[in-house]
Amino acid sequence: MNRRFSLHRLAFAAAPLALTGCSQAPSYDVMGSLFPAWLVCIVLGIALAVITRWVLVRARIALVFPVLVYPCLAAAITFAIWLIFYQ
């Protein structure tokens, strides 16, 4: 019981340290409504993946597993946009 009590005290003491990194979330004001920045990054990532697919189709480059490649490409572009603009 004493060990359990000490774990609760430790968690209670560490909680403010976990919350110190919180700040205002990046967001965009669109006609009075705030949209989170991660949503904008996802939309741009998907749009750029669709454009990349169009370029690959026009260049007649066939992919072995397009079902895996395009979602991974969209995710990679999304993460890159987030890192470039928000980190």
C-alpha atoms as a PDB file:
ATOM      1  CA  MET A   1       0.000   0.000   0.000  1.00  0.00           C
ATOM      2  CA  ASN A   2       2.845   2.383   0.724  1.00  0.00           C
ATOM      3  CA  ARG A   3       4.315   1.800  -2.756  1.00  0.00           C
ATOM      4  CA  ARG A   4       0.964   2.505  -4.394  1.00  0.00           C
ATOM      5  CA  PHE A   5       0.632   5.736  -2.436  1.00  0.00           C
ATOM      6  CA  SER A   6       4.093   6.839  -3.531  1.00  0.00           C
ATOM      7  CA  LEU A   7       3.266   6.139  -7.202  1.00  0.00           C
ATOM      8  CA  HIS A   8       0.178   8.339  -6.915  1.00  0.00           C
ATOM      9  CA  ARG A   9       2.242  11.111  -5.357  1.00  0.00           C
ATOM     10  CA  LEU A  10       4.836  10.795  -8.136  1.00  0.00           C
ATOM     11  CA  ALA A  11       2.150  10.946 -10.838  1.00  0.00           C
ATOM     12  CA  PHE A  12       0.562  13.964  -9.161  1.00  0.00           C
ATOM     13  CA  ALA A  13       3.931  15.724  -8.996  1.00  0.00           C
ATOM     14  CA  ALA A  14       4.822  14.880 -12.624  1.00  0.00           C
ATOM     15  CA  ALA A  15       1.500  16.061 -14.114  1.00  0.00           C
ATOM     16  CA  PRO A  16       2.505  19.763 -14.323  1.00  0.00           C
ATOM     17  CA  LEU A  17       5.701  18.782 -16.122  1.00  0.00           C
ATOM     18  CA  ALA A  18       3.688  16.918 -18.759  1.00  0.00           C
ATOM     19  CA  LEU A  19       1.439  19.935 -19.322  1.00  0.00           C
ATOM     20  CA  THR A  20       4.161  22.558 -19.705  1.00  0.00           C
ATOM     21  CA  GLY A  21       4.654  21.796 -23.403  1.00  0.00           C
ATOM     22  CA  CYS A  22       1.059  22.645 -24.277  1.00  0.00           C
ATOM     23  CA  SER A  23       0.503  25.847 -26.193  1.00  0.00           C
ATOM     24  CA  GLN A  24      -2.063  27.246 -28.553  1.00  0.00           C
ATOM     25  CA  ALA A  25      -2.707  24.881 -31.444  1.00  0.00           C
ATOM     26  CA  PRO A  26      -1.829  26.164 -34.926  1.00  0.00           C
ATOM     27  CA  SER A  27      -5.034  26.899 -36.802  1.00  0.00           C
ATOM     28  CA  TYR A  28      -6.358  28.884 -39.749  1.00  0.00           C
ATOM     29  CA  ASP A  29      -9.251  31.306 -39.619  1.00  0.00           C
ATOM     30  CA  VAL A  30     -11.534  30.617 -42.590  1.00  0.00           C
ATOM     31  CA  MET A  31     -14.637  32.831 -42.611  1.00  0.00           C
ATOM     32  CA  GLY A  32     -14.749  32.982 -38.837  1.00  0.00           C
ATOM     33  CA  SER A  33     -14.253  29.253 -38.288  1.00  0.00           C
ATOM     34  CA  LEU A  34     -10.939  27.902 -37.018  1.00  0.00           C
ATOM     35  CA  PHE A  35      -9.545  24.890 -38.861  1.00  0.00           C
ATOM     36  CA  PRO A  36      -6.620  22.964 -37.362  1.00  0.00           C
ATOM     37  CA  ALA A  37      -3.358  23.068 -39.279  1.00  0.00           C
ATOM     38  CA  TRP A  38      -3.076  19.272 -39.379  1.00  0.00           C
ATOM     39  CA  LEU A  39      -6.301  19.164 -41.398  1.00  0.00           C
ATOM     40  CA  VAL A  40      -4.820  21.555 -43.947  1.00  0.00           C
ATOM     41  CA  CYS A  41      -1.664  19.405 -44.118  1.00  0.00           C
ATOM     42  CA  ILE A  42      -3.711  16.257 -44.776  1.00  0.00           C
ATOM     43  CA  VAL A  43      -5.699  17.902 -47.567  1.00  0.00           C
ATOM     44  CA  LEU A  44      -2.496  19.189 -49.198  1.00  0.00           C
ATOM     45  CA  GLY A  45      -0.821  15.780 -48.810  1.00  0.00           C
ATOM     46  CA  ILE A  46      -3.709  13.977 -50.504  1.00  0.00           C
ATOM     47  CA  ALA A  47      -3.900  16.578 -53.282  1.00  0.00           C
ATOM     48  CA  LEU A  48      -0.163  16.317 -53.981  1.00  0.00           C
ATOM     49  CA  ALA A  49      -0.373  12.505 -53.974  1.00  0.00           C
ATOM     50  CA  VAL A  50      -3.167  12.686 -56.570  1.00  0.00           C
ATOM     51  CA  ILE A  51      -1.045  15.033 -58.697  1.00  0.00           C
ATOM     52  CA  THR A  52       1.907  12.653 -58.358  1.00  0.00           C
ATOM     53  CA  ARG A  53      -0.306   9.762 -59.459  1.00  0.00           C
ATOM     54  CA  TRP A  54      -1.414  11.765 -62.487  1.00  0.00           C
ATOM     55  CA  VAL A  55       2.225  12.487 -63.404  1.00  0.00           C
ATOM     56  CA  LEU A  56       3.161   8.811 -63.041  1.00  0.00           C
ATOM     57  CA  VAL A  57       0.212   7.716 -65.198  1.00  0.00           C
ATOM     58  CA  ARG A  58       1.131  10.280 -67.872  1.00  0.00           C
ATOM     59  CA  ALA A  59       4.739   9.057 -67.812  1.00  0.00           C
ATOM     60  CA  ARG A  60       3.469   5.435 -68.061  1.00  0.00           C
ATOM     61  CA  ILE A  61       5.296   4.326 -64.935  1.00  0.00           C
ATOM     62  CA  ALA A  62       3.582   1.278 -63.457  1.00  0.00           C
ATOM     63  CA  LEU A  63       3.812   0.587 -59.749  1.00  0.00           C
ATOM     64  CA  VAL A  64       3.777  -2.914 -58.294  1.00  0.00           C
ATOM     65  CA  PHE A  65       1.561  -2.154 -55.269  1.00  0.00           C
ATOM     66  CA  PRO A  66      -0.289   1.122 -55.954  1.00  0.00           C
ATOM     67  CA  VAL A  67      -2.730   0.377 -53.113  1.00  0.00           C
ATOM     68  CA  LEU A  68       0.177   0.695 -50.669  1.00  0.00           C
ATOM     69  CA  VAL A  69       2.274   3.275 -52.482  1.00  0.00           C
ATOM     70  CA  TYR A  70      -0.243   6.111 -52.812  1.00  0.00           C
ATOM     71  CA  PRO A  71      -1.451   6.198 -49.177  1.00  0.00           C
ATOM     72  CA  CYS A  72       2.164   6.029 -48.009  1.00  0.00           C
ATOM     73  CA  LEU A  73       3.056   8.819 -50.422  1.00  0.00           C
ATOM     74  CA  ALA A  74       0.171  10.948 -49.141  1.00  0.00           C
ATOM     75  CA  ALA A  75       1.278  10.323 -45.539  1.00  0.00           C
ATOM     76  CA  ALA A  76       4.909  11.155 -46.316  1.00  0.00           C
ATOM     77  CA  ILE A  77       3.934  14.396 -48.046  1.00  0.00           C
ATOM     78  CA  THR A  78       1.597  15.286 -45.160  1.00  0.00           C
ATOM     79  CA  PHE A  79       4.324  14.733 -42.560  1.00  0.00           C
ATOM     80  CA  ALA A  80       6.846  16.679 -44.649  1.00  0.00           C
ATOM     81  CA  ILE A  81       4.495  19.650 -44.947  1.00  0.00           C
ATOM     82  CA  TRP A  82       3.898  19.594 -41.191  1.00  0.00           C
ATOM     83  CA  LEU A  83       7.621  19.469 -40.441  1.00  0.00           C
ATOM     84  CA  ILE A  84       8.490  22.215 -42.909  1.00  0.00           C
ATOM     85  CA  PHE A  85       5.837  24.713 -41.831  1.00  0.00           C
ATOM     86  CA  TYR A  86       5.099  23.947 -38.168  1.00  0.00           C
ATOM     87  CA  GLN A  87       8.239  22.587 -36.506  1.00  0.00           C
END
